[in-house]
Amino acid sequence: MTGIKTSVKVAEAARRGGALVAGSRVVPEETPIALTYGGSTHAVMMATPADFEDFAVGFSLTEGIVTEPDQIEAVDVVAEDKGIDLQIRLRDEENDMLRQRRRHMAGPVGCGLCGIESIEQAVRHTPDVSGAKLRLSQADVVKSVALLNGQQPLHFETRAVHGAAFYVPGKGLIAVREDVGRHNALDKLVGAAARAGFKGDEGAVVVTSRVSVEMVQKTAIIGSPVIIAISAPTALAIRTAEEAGMTLIALVRGDEFEIFTHAARIHSGAVADVA
């Protein structure tokens, strides 16, 4: 869909040299995006209005609505007055499963985390990726972040969005997506990689945000055994990555980084100059 802006220039008053001066700044757009299945809205996300088909496919995969991209028959992007409606048409089998899931979610109400079943739903199962054969060198880790830093045009323009990339050793970054929301950026990346036919176990997910448990879960769902982040992880993210057999690398700064889980997957190759 064309004609939708991902950023705008706004007027501002900035304090410079001890005084307020008139100026302007480019800021990212943030738009309500509804993800609709079979005529019923499943979720509404505040997101950057771009890469809609990638978002629809990636969200459907990481939320477990589908397991393969071809289970989605079509995605129609409908511009509404106050946002975007992604109308996603599933195959009959997946559509029936989603209806059953909705009926289950619409059961008894009360305390949000009352009962063991509710807690298990909140902390959902994370796939085991310990069997993935991917190995990275220290140079790969450094290079993946350096490459991502140079392939974020919207962030370069606004300094206000997150980036997510898929890094494959020997190929570099095969997909990069940006969004005001870190989860959205990762969903868009998942969708882009899936639509291009890349398998998650072939590479590492690289993100500019902190690593929460949801970021680990989404990475594991696509089969990637490595997540690399510029910022820090949460304690639950570390525990979840450890249990899933995933290598969690964070706080990548230049040629320095910290490995929190499954360090054996990173071999001691010399850190290359990636400037």
C-alpha atoms as a PDB file:
ATOM      1  CA  MET A   1       0.000   0.000   0.000  1.00  0.00           C
ATOM      2  CA  THR A   2       1.423   3.358  -1.034  1.00  0.00           C
ATOM      3  CA  GLY A   3       0.820   6.859   0.272  1.00  0.00           C
ATOM      4  CA  ILE A   4       1.173   6.001   3.982  1.00  0.00           C
ATOM      5  CA  LYS A   5       3.951   7.875   5.713  1.00  0.00           C
ATOM      6  CA  THR A   6       6.174   6.200   8.280  1.00  0.00           C
ATOM      7  CA  SER A   7       7.527   9.503   9.611  1.00  0.00           C
ATOM      8  CA  VAL A   8       6.581  13.183   9.728  1.00  0.00           C
ATOM      9  CA  LYS A   9       8.361  16.458  10.443  1.00  0.00           C
ATOM     10  CA  VAL A  10       7.018  18.345  13.460  1.00  0.00           C
ATOM     11  CA  ALA A  11       7.751  21.758  14.918  1.00  0.00           C
ATOM     12  CA  GLU A  12       9.502  21.975  18.262  1.00  0.00           C
ATOM     13  CA  ALA A  13      11.179  24.371  20.656  1.00  0.00           C
ATOM     14  CA  ALA A  14      14.618  23.126  21.629  1.00  0.00           C
ATOM     15  CA  ARG A  15      16.898  24.385  24.365  1.00  0.00           C
ATOM     16  CA  ARG A  16      20.228  25.111  22.758  1.00  0.00           C
ATOM     17  CA  GLY A  17      23.063  27.073  24.374  1.00  0.00           C
ATOM     18  CA  GLY A  18      20.901  27.989  27.334  1.00  0.00           C
ATOM     19  CA  ALA A  19      18.025  29.385  25.259  1.00  0.00           C
ATOM     20  CA  LEU A  20      14.886  28.063  23.568  1.00  0.00           C
ATOM     21  CA  VAL A  21      14.990  28.196  19.790  1.00  0.00           C
ATOM     22  CA  ALA A  22      12.412  27.203  17.200  1.00  0.00           C
ATOM     23  CA  GLY A  23      13.193  24.107  15.222  1.00  0.00           C
ATOM     24  CA  SER A  24      11.839  20.880  13.792  1.00  0.00           C
ATOM     25  CA  ARG A  25      12.361  17.147  14.149  1.00  0.00           C
ATOM     26  CA  VAL A  26      11.391  14.045  12.191  1.00  0.00           C
ATOM     27  CA  VAL A  27       9.406  11.588  14.305  1.00  0.00           C
ATOM     28  CA  PRO A  28       7.983   8.143  13.469  1.00  0.00           C
ATOM     29  CA  GLU A  29       4.302   7.538  12.858  1.00  0.00           C
ATOM     30  CA  GLU A  30       2.423   5.221  15.222  1.00  0.00           C
ATOM     31  CA  THR A  31      -0.814   3.740  13.924  1.00  0.00           C
ATOM     32  CA  PRO A  32      -3.435   1.310  15.277  1.00  0.00           C
ATOM     33  CA  ILE A  33      -3.179  -1.891  13.235  1.00  0.00           C
ATOM     34  CA  ALA A  34      -5.919  -4.480  13.667  1.00  0.00           C
ATOM     35  CA  LEU A  35      -5.208  -8.131  12.920  1.00  0.00           C
ATOM     36  CA  THR A  36      -8.507  -9.630  11.831  1.00  0.00           C
ATOM     37  CA  TYR A  37      -9.197 -13.312  11.186  1.00  0.00           C
ATOM     38  CA  GLY A  38     -12.453 -14.479   9.634  1.00  0.00           C
ATOM     39  CA  GLY A  39     -14.077 -11.110  10.204  1.00  0.00           C
ATOM     40  CA  SER A  40     -13.214 -10.977  13.945  1.00  0.00           C
ATOM     41  CA  THR A  41     -10.484  -8.747  15.343  1.00  0.00           C
ATOM     42  CA  HIS A  42      -7.910 -10.797  17.234  1.00  0.00           C
ATOM     43  CA  ALA A  43      -5.614  -7.958  18.342  1.00  0.00           C
ATOM     44  CA  VAL A  44      -4.922  -4.277  17.773  1.00  0.00           C
ATOM     45  CA  MET A  45      -1.280  -3.211  17.885  1.00  0.00           C
ATOM     46  CA  MET A  46       0.218   0.264  17.847  1.00  0.00           C
ATOM     47  CA  ALA A  47       2.808  -0.024  15.118  1.00  0.00           C
ATOM     48  CA  THR A  48       4.705   1.648  12.312  1.00  0.00           C
ATOM     49  CA  PRO A  49       2.467   1.651   9.195  1.00  0.00           C
ATOM     50  CA  ALA A  50       4.738  -0.404   6.941  1.00  0.00           C
ATOM     51  CA  ASP A  51       5.482  -4.025   5.983  1.00  0.00           C
ATOM     52  CA  PHE A  52       1.857  -5.021   6.550  1.00  0.00           C
ATOM     53  CA  GLU A  53       1.978  -8.468   4.938  1.00  0.00           C
ATOM     54  CA  ASP A  54       5.154  -9.318   6.862  1.00  0.00           C
ATOM     55  CA  PHE A  55       3.434  -8.227  10.076  1.00  0.00           C
ATOM     56  CA  ALA A  56       0.350 -10.342   9.364  1.00  0.00           C
ATOM     57  CA  VAL A  57       2.385 -13.462   8.605  1.00  0.00           C
ATOM     58  CA  GLY A  58       4.884 -12.968  11.433  1.00  0.00           C
ATOM     59  CA  PHE A  59       2.223 -12.267  14.061  1.00  0.00           C
ATOM     60  CA  SER A  60       0.248 -15.305  12.934  1.00  0.00           C
ATOM     61  CA  LEU A  61       3.349 -17.506  13.267  1.00  0.00           C
ATOM     62  CA  THR A  62       4.670 -16.214  16.590  1.00  0.00           C
ATOM     63  CA  GLU A  63       1.212 -16.279  18.181  1.00  0.00           C
ATOM     64  CA  GLY A  64       0.743 -19.901  17.124  1.00  0.00           C
ATOM     65  CA  ILE A  65      -2.257 -19.171  14.928  1.00  0.00           C
ATOM     66  CA  VAL A  66      -0.478 -20.876  12.023  1.00  0.00           C
ATOM     67  CA  THR A  67       2.668 -22.978  11.812  1.00  0.00           C
ATOM     68  CA  GLU A  68       3.471 -22.387   8.136  1.00  0.00           C
ATOM     69  CA  PRO A  69       3.026 -19.288   5.931  1.00  0.00           C
ATOM     70  CA  ASP A  70       1.028 -21.217   3.333  1.00  0.00           C
ATOM     71  CA  GLN A  71      -1.725 -21.760   5.905  1.00  0.00           C
ATOM     72  CA  ILE A  72      -2.601 -18.122   5.244  1.00  0.00           C
ATOM     73  CA  GLU A  73      -4.584 -17.847   2.020  1.00  0.00           C
ATOM     74  CA  ALA A  74      -4.605 -14.057   1.711  1.00  0.00           C
ATOM     75  CA  VAL A  75      -3.904 -10.789   3.508  1.00  0.00           C
ATOM     76  CA  ASP A  76      -5.964  -7.735   2.589  1.00  0.00           C
ATOM     77  CA  VAL A  77      -4.679  -4.376   3.823  1.00  0.00           C
ATOM     78  CA  VAL A  78      -7.656  -2.072   4.409  1.00  0.00           C
ATOM     79  CA  ALA A  79      -7.060   1.570   5.299  1.00  0.00           C
ATOM     80  CA  GLU A  80      -9.591   2.874   7.823  1.00  0.00           C
ATOM     81  CA  ASP A  81     -10.104   6.438   9.074  1.00  0.00           C
ATOM     82  CA  LYS A  82      -8.020   5.903  12.210  1.00  0.00           C
ATOM     83  CA  GLY A  83      -5.799   2.990  11.324  1.00  0.00           C
ATOM     84  CA  ILE A  84      -5.162  -0.127   9.266  1.00  0.00           C
ATOM     85  CA  ASP A  85      -7.148  -3.366   9.267  1.00  0.00           C
ATOM     86  CA  LEU A  86      -5.154  -6.434   8.216  1.00  0.00           C
ATOM     87  CA  GLN A  87      -7.832  -8.873   7.118  1.00  0.00           C
ATOM     88  CA  ILE A  88      -6.190 -12.298   7.222  1.00  0.00           C
ATOM     89  CA  ARG A  89      -7.875 -15.270   5.578  1.00  0.00           C
ATOM     90  CA  LEU A  90      -6.806 -18.688   6.863  1.00  0.00           C
ATOM     91  CA  ARG A  91      -7.331 -22.139   5.445  1.00  0.00           C
ATOM     92  CA  ASP A  92     -10.475 -23.837   6.771  1.00  0.00           C
ATOM     93  CA  GLU A  93      -8.618 -26.075   9.231  1.00  0.00           C
ATOM     94  CA  GLU A  94      -6.642 -23.239  10.835  1.00  0.00           C
ATOM     95  CA  ASN A  95      -9.723 -21.018  10.888  1.00  0.00           C
ATOM     96  CA  ASP A  96     -11.672 -23.704  12.777  1.00  0.00           C
ATOM     97  CA  MET A  97      -8.821 -24.108  15.268  1.00  0.00           C
ATOM     98  CA  LEU A  98      -8.743 -20.358  15.887  1.00  0.00           C
ATOM     99  CA  ARG A  99     -12.505 -20.332  16.537  1.00  0.00           C
ATOM    100  CA  GLN A 100     -12.065 -23.074  19.134  1.00  0.00           C
ATOM    101  CA  ARG A 101      -9.228 -21.133  20.734  1.00  0.00           C
ATOM    102  CA  ARG A 102     -11.421 -18.040  20.986  1.00  0.00           C
ATOM    103  CA  ARG A 103     -14.218 -19.993  22.638  1.00  0.00           C
ATOM    104  CA  HIS A 104     -11.734 -21.324  25.198  1.00  0.00           C
ATOM    105  CA  MET A 105     -10.392 -17.818  25.896  1.00  0.00           C
ATOM    106  CA  ALA A 106     -13.946 -16.521  26.373  1.00  0.00           C
ATOM    107  CA  GLY A 107     -14.598 -18.883  29.292  1.00  0.00           C
ATOM    108  CA  PRO A 108     -15.031 -18.027  32.994  1.00  0.00           C
ATOM    109  CA  VAL A 109     -13.831 -14.577  34.016  1.00  0.00           C
ATOM    110  CA  GLY A 110     -12.423 -13.331  37.296  1.00  0.00           C
ATOM    111  CA  CYS A 111      -8.933 -12.745  38.603  1.00  0.00           C
ATOM    112  CA  GLY A 112      -6.557 -12.410  35.656  1.00  0.00           C
ATOM    113  CA  LEU A 113      -4.145 -15.042  36.982  1.00  0.00           C
ATOM    114  CA  CYS A 114      -6.478 -17.188  39.093  1.00  0.00           C
ATOM    115  CA  GLY A 115      -5.749 -20.883  38.803  1.00  0.00           C
ATOM    116  CA  ILE A 116      -2.916 -22.983  37.411  1.00  0.00           C
ATOM    117  CA  GLU A 117      -4.404 -23.096  33.913  1.00  0.00           C
ATOM    118  CA  SER A 118      -4.383 -19.301  33.598  1.00  0.00           C
ATOM    119  CA  ILE A 119      -0.779 -19.051  34.764  1.00  0.00           C
ATOM    120  CA  GLU A 120       0.307 -21.708  32.280  1.00  0.00           C
ATOM    121  CA  GLN A 121      -1.384 -19.753  29.514  1.00  0.00           C
ATOM    122  CA  ALA A 122       0.363 -16.541  30.586  1.00  0.00           C
ATOM    123  CA  VAL A 123       3.807 -18.214  30.606  1.00  0.00           C
ATOM    124  CA  ARG A 124       3.378 -20.245  27.440  1.00  0.00           C
ATOM    125  CA  HIS A 125       5.493 -23.169  26.325  1.00  0.00           C
ATOM    126  CA  THR A 126       8.729 -22.268  24.554  1.00  0.00           C
ATOM    127  CA  PRO A 127       9.935 -24.720  21.865  1.00  0.00           C
ATOM    128  CA  ASP A 128      13.238 -26.535  22.425  1.00  0.00           C
ATOM    129  CA  VAL A 129      15.907 -25.355  19.965  1.00  0.00           C
ATOM    130  CA  SER A 130      18.831 -27.222  21.519  1.00  0.00           C
ATOM    131  CA  GLY A 131      19.091 -29.532  18.510  1.00  0.00           C
ATOM    132  CA  ALA A 132      19.810 -26.721  16.030  1.00  0.00           C
ATOM    133  CA  LYS A 133      23.251 -27.092  14.419  1.00  0.00           C
ATOM    134  CA  LEU A 134      23.943 -23.374  13.995  1.00  0.00           C
ATOM    135  CA  ARG A 135      27.305 -22.198  15.340  1.00  0.00           C
ATOM    136  CA  LEU A 136      28.612 -18.638  15.304  1.00  0.00           C
ATOM    137  CA  SER A 137      32.050 -17.135  15.747  1.00  0.00           C
ATOM    138  CA  GLN A 138      32.721 -14.172  17.982  1.00  0.00           C
ATOM    139  CA  ALA A 139      33.258 -12.210  14.788  1.00  0.00           C
ATOM    140  CA  ASP A 140      29.745 -13.167  13.625  1.00  0.00           C
ATOM    141  CA  VAL A 141      28.235 -11.710  16.798  1.00  0.00           C
ATOM    142  CA  VAL A 142      30.066  -8.408  16.417  1.00  0.00           C
ATOM    143  CA  LYS A 143      29.407  -8.226  12.687  1.00  0.00           C
ATOM    144  CA  SER A 144      25.676  -8.901  13.006  1.00  0.00           C
ATOM    145  CA  VAL A 145      25.125  -5.880  15.247  1.00  0.00           C
ATOM    146  CA  ALA A 146      27.438  -3.654  13.210  1.00  0.00           C
ATOM    147  CA  LEU A 147      25.501  -4.526  10.052  1.00  0.00           C
ATOM    148  CA  LEU A 148      22.141  -3.879  11.726  1.00  0.00           C
ATOM    149  CA  ASN A 149      23.310  -0.466  12.913  1.00  0.00           C
ATOM    150  CA  GLY A 150      23.887   0.475   9.287  1.00  0.00           C
ATOM    151  CA  GLN A 151      20.591  -0.832   7.904  1.00  0.00           C
ATOM    152  CA  GLN A 152      17.963   1.069   9.891  1.00  0.00           C
ATOM    153  CA  PRO A 153      16.907   4.017   7.712  1.00  0.00           C
ATOM    154  CA  LEU A 154      13.849   4.926   9.806  1.00  0.00           C
ATOM    155  CA  HIS A 155      15.840   4.871  13.037  1.00  0.00           C
ATOM    156  CA  PHE A 156      18.595   6.929  11.411  1.00  0.00           C
ATOM    157  CA  GLU A 157      15.934   9.477  10.455  1.00  0.00           C
ATOM    158  CA  THR A 158      14.031   9.531  13.750  1.00  0.00           C
ATOM    159  CA  ARG A 159      16.203   7.880  16.445  1.00  0.00           C
ATOM    160  CA  ALA A 160      12.980   6.444  17.826  1.00  0.00           C
ATOM    161  CA  VAL A 161      12.320   2.921  16.469  1.00  0.00           C
ATOM    162  CA  HIS A 162      13.536  -0.597  17.110  1.00  0.00           C
ATOM    163  CA  GLY A 163      15.239  -2.861  14.602  1.00  0.00           C
ATOM    164  CA  ALA A 164      15.229  -6.637  14.169  1.00  0.00           C
ATOM    165  CA  ALA A 165      17.314  -8.640  11.718  1.00  0.00           C
ATOM    166  CA  PHE A 166      18.033 -12.215  10.673  1.00  0.00           C
ATOM    167  CA  TYR A 167      21.751 -12.967  10.396  1.00  0.00           C
ATOM    168  CA  VAL A 168      23.092 -15.968   8.499  1.00  0.00           C
ATOM    169  CA  PRO A 169      26.832 -16.761   8.704  1.00  0.00           C
ATOM    170  CA  GLY A 170      28.505 -16.222   5.361  1.00  0.00           C
ATOM    171  CA  LYS A 171      25.510 -14.266   4.010  1.00  0.00           C
ATOM    172  CA  GLY A 172      25.109 -11.419   6.477  1.00  0.00           C
ATOM    173  CA  LEU A 173      21.699  -9.904   7.166  1.00  0.00           C
ATOM    174  CA  ILE A 174      19.110 -11.497   4.895  1.00  0.00           C
ATOM    175  CA  ALA A 175      16.204  -9.451   6.302  1.00  0.00           C
ATOM    176  CA  VAL A 176      15.791  -6.308   8.429  1.00  0.00           C
ATOM    177  CA  ARG A 177      12.588  -4.730   9.745  1.00  0.00           C
ATOM    178  CA  GLU A 178      11.887  -1.665  11.903  1.00  0.00           C
ATOM    179  CA  ASP A 179       8.976  -0.606  14.091  1.00  0.00           C
ATOM    180  CA  VAL A 180       8.136   1.638  17.021  1.00  0.00           C
ATOM    181  CA  GLY A 181       7.388  -1.550  18.963  1.00  0.00           C
ATOM    182  CA  ARG A 182      10.141  -4.101  19.581  1.00  0.00           C
ATOM    183  CA  HIS A 183       7.707  -7.025  19.412  1.00  0.00           C
ATOM    184  CA  ASN A 184       6.256  -5.662  16.179  1.00  0.00           C
ATOM    185  CA  ALA A 185       9.711  -5.320  14.632  1.00  0.00           C
ATOM    186  CA  LEU A 186      10.430  -8.967  15.455  1.00  0.00           C
ATOM    187  CA  ASP A 187       7.047 -10.128  14.124  1.00  0.00           C
ATOM    188  CA  LYS A 188       7.653  -8.246  10.877  1.00  0.00           C
ATOM    189  CA  LEU A 189      11.095  -9.844  10.616  1.00  0.00           C
ATOM    190  CA  VAL A 190       9.645 -13.312  11.199  1.00  0.00           C
ATOM    191  CA  GLY A 191       7.089 -12.695   8.476  1.00  0.00           C
ATOM    192  CA  ALA A 192       9.665 -11.379   6.013  1.00  0.00           C
ATOM    193  CA  ALA A 193      12.002 -14.322   6.556  1.00  0.00           C
ATOM    194  CA  ALA A 194       9.170 -16.862   6.326  1.00  0.00           C
ATOM    195  CA  ARG A 195       7.769 -15.358   3.135  1.00  0.00           C
ATOM    196  CA  ALA A 196      11.258 -15.472   1.605  1.00  0.00           C
ATOM    197  CA  GLY A 197      11.606 -19.148   2.508  1.00  0.00           C
ATOM    198  CA  PHE A 198      14.361 -18.822   5.100  1.00  0.00           C
ATOM    199  CA  LYS A 199      14.308 -21.287   7.987  1.00  0.00           C
ATOM    200  CA  GLY A 200      14.841 -20.052  11.525  1.00  0.00           C
ATOM    201  CA  ASP A 201      17.526 -22.605  12.367  1.00  0.00           C
ATOM    202  CA  GLU A 202      19.746 -21.206   9.619  1.00  0.00           C
ATOM    203  CA  GLY A 203      20.582 -18.018  11.490  1.00  0.00           C
ATOM    204  CA  ALA A 204      20.383 -15.750  14.522  1.00  0.00           C
ATOM    205  CA  VAL A 205      17.845 -13.100  15.445  1.00  0.00           C
ATOM    206  CA  VAL A 206      19.449  -9.717  16.138  1.00  0.00           C
ATOM    207  CA  VAL A 207      17.522  -6.957  17.961  1.00  0.00           C
ATOM    208  CA  THR A 208      18.212  -3.429  19.140  1.00  0.00           C
ATOM    209  CA  SER A 209      15.985  -3.712  22.205  1.00  0.00           C
ATOM    210  CA  ARG A 210      16.214  -5.376  25.578  1.00  0.00           C
ATOM    211  CA  VAL A 211      15.453  -9.101  25.612  1.00  0.00           C
ATOM    212  CA  SER A 212      12.192  -9.928  27.363  1.00  0.00           C
ATOM    213  CA  VAL A 213      10.732 -13.416  27.644  1.00  0.00           C
ATOM    214  CA  GLU A 214       8.425 -12.746  24.685  1.00  0.00           C
ATOM    215  CA  MET A 215      11.405 -12.003  22.447  1.00  0.00           C
ATOM    216  CA  VAL A 216      12.971 -15.337  23.429  1.00  0.00           C
ATOM    217  CA  GLN A 217       9.690 -17.175  22.827  1.00  0.00           C
ATOM    218  CA  LYS A 218       9.140 -15.615  19.402  1.00  0.00           C
ATOM    219  CA  THR A 219      12.733 -16.475  18.416  1.00  0.00           C
ATOM    220  CA  ALA A 220      12.299 -20.075  19.546  1.00  0.00           C
ATOM    221  CA  ILE A 221       8.967 -20.446  17.756  1.00  0.00           C
ATOM    222  CA  ILE A 222      10.684 -19.902  14.395  1.00  0.00           C
ATOM    223  CA  GLY A 223      13.448 -22.345  15.359  1.00  0.00           C
ATOM    224  CA  SER A 224      16.361 -19.932  15.728  1.00  0.00           C
ATOM    225  CA  PRO A 225      18.785 -21.052  18.471  1.00  0.00           C
ATOM    226  CA  VAL A 226      20.491 -17.665  18.956  1.00  0.00           C
ATOM    227  CA  ILE A 227      19.235 -14.209  19.909  1.00  0.00           C
ATOM    228  CA  ILE A 228      21.670 -11.280  19.908  1.00  0.00           C
ATOM    229  CA  ALA A 229      20.725  -7.949  21.509  1.00  0.00           C
ATOM    230  CA  ILE A 230      22.223  -4.538  21.991  1.00  0.00           C
ATOM    231  CA  SER A 231      20.473  -4.073  25.337  1.00  0.00           C
ATOM    232  CA  ALA A 232      20.135  -6.262  28.433  1.00  0.00           C
ATOM    233  CA  PRO A 233      17.924  -9.306  29.100  1.00  0.00           C
ATOM    234  CA  THR A 234      15.420  -9.898  31.891  1.00  0.00           C
ATOM    235  CA  ALA A 235      15.893 -12.699  34.399  1.00  0.00           C
ATOM    236  CA  LEU A 236      12.895 -14.603  33.022  1.00  0.00           C
ATOM    237  CA  ALA A 237      14.259 -14.272  29.491  1.00  0.00           C
ATOM    238  CA  ILE A 238      17.544 -15.828  30.646  1.00  0.00           C
ATOM    239  CA  ARG A 239      15.806 -18.717  32.411  1.00  0.00           C
ATOM    240  CA  THR A 240      13.574 -19.324  29.399  1.00  0.00           C
ATOM    241  CA  ALA A 241      16.503 -19.296  26.955  1.00  0.00           C
ATOM    242  CA  GLU A 242      18.431 -21.699  29.178  1.00  0.00           C
ATOM    243  CA  GLU A 243      15.530 -24.157  29.298  1.00  0.00           C
ATOM    244  CA  ALA A 244      14.935 -23.879  25.535  1.00  0.00           C
ATOM    245  CA  GLY A 245      18.555 -24.560  24.647  1.00  0.00           C
ATOM    246  CA  MET A 246      18.943 -21.073  23.169  1.00  0.00           C
ATOM    247  CA  THR A 247      22.098 -18.964  23.202  1.00  0.00           C
ATOM    248  CA  LEU A 248      21.269 -15.506  24.560  1.00  0.00           C
ATOM    249  CA  ILE A 249      23.853 -12.816  23.822  1.00  0.00           C
ATOM    250  CA  ALA A 250      23.281  -9.254  24.979  1.00  0.00           C
ATOM    251  CA  LEU A 251      24.910  -5.909  25.693  1.00  0.00           C
ATOM    252  CA  VAL A 252      26.843  -5.983  22.438  1.00  0.00           C
ATOM    253  CA  ARG A 253      29.034  -2.878  22.446  1.00  0.00           C
ATOM    254  CA  GLY A 254      31.615  -2.691  19.694  1.00  0.00           C
ATOM    255  CA  ASP A 255      33.629  -5.897  19.953  1.00  0.00           C
ATOM    256  CA  GLU A 256      32.465  -6.653  23.501  1.00  0.00           C
ATOM    257  CA  PHE A 257      29.391  -8.661  24.501  1.00  0.00           C
ATOM    258  CA  GLU A 258      28.019 -10.935  27.217  1.00  0.00           C
ATOM    259  CA  ILE A 259      26.756 -14.506  26.740  1.00  0.00           C
ATOM    260  CA  PHE A 260      24.122 -15.524  29.296  1.00  0.00           C
ATOM    261  CA  THR A 261      23.165 -19.027  28.125  1.00  0.00           C
ATOM    262  CA  HIS A 262      24.637 -21.895  26.110  1.00  0.00           C
ATOM    263  CA  ALA A 263      27.973 -20.229  25.347  1.00  0.00           C
ATOM    264  CA  ALA A 264      29.314 -23.390  23.667  1.00  0.00           C
ATOM    265  CA  ARG A 265      27.441 -22.416  20.493  1.00  0.00           C
ATOM    266  CA  ILE A 266      29.846 -19.442  20.062  1.00  0.00           C
ATOM    267  CA  HIS A 267      33.336 -20.496  19.030  1.00  0.00           C
ATOM    268  CA  SER A 268      36.441 -18.417  19.634  1.00  0.00           C
ATOM    269  CA  GLY A 269      37.061 -17.054  16.180  1.00  0.00           C
ATOM    270  CA  ALA A 270      38.969 -13.807  16.047  1.00  0.00           C
ATOM    271  CA  VAL A 271      36.790 -10.691  16.116  1.00  0.00           C
ATOM    272  CA  ALA A 272      37.067  -9.127  12.681  1.00  0.00           C
ATOM    273  CA  ASP A 273      37.205  -5.427  11.844  1.00  0.00           C
ATOM    274  CA  VAL A 274      33.670  -4.565  10.724  1.00  0.00           C
ATOM    275  CA  ALA A 275      34.015  -0.818  10.505  1.00  0.00           C
END
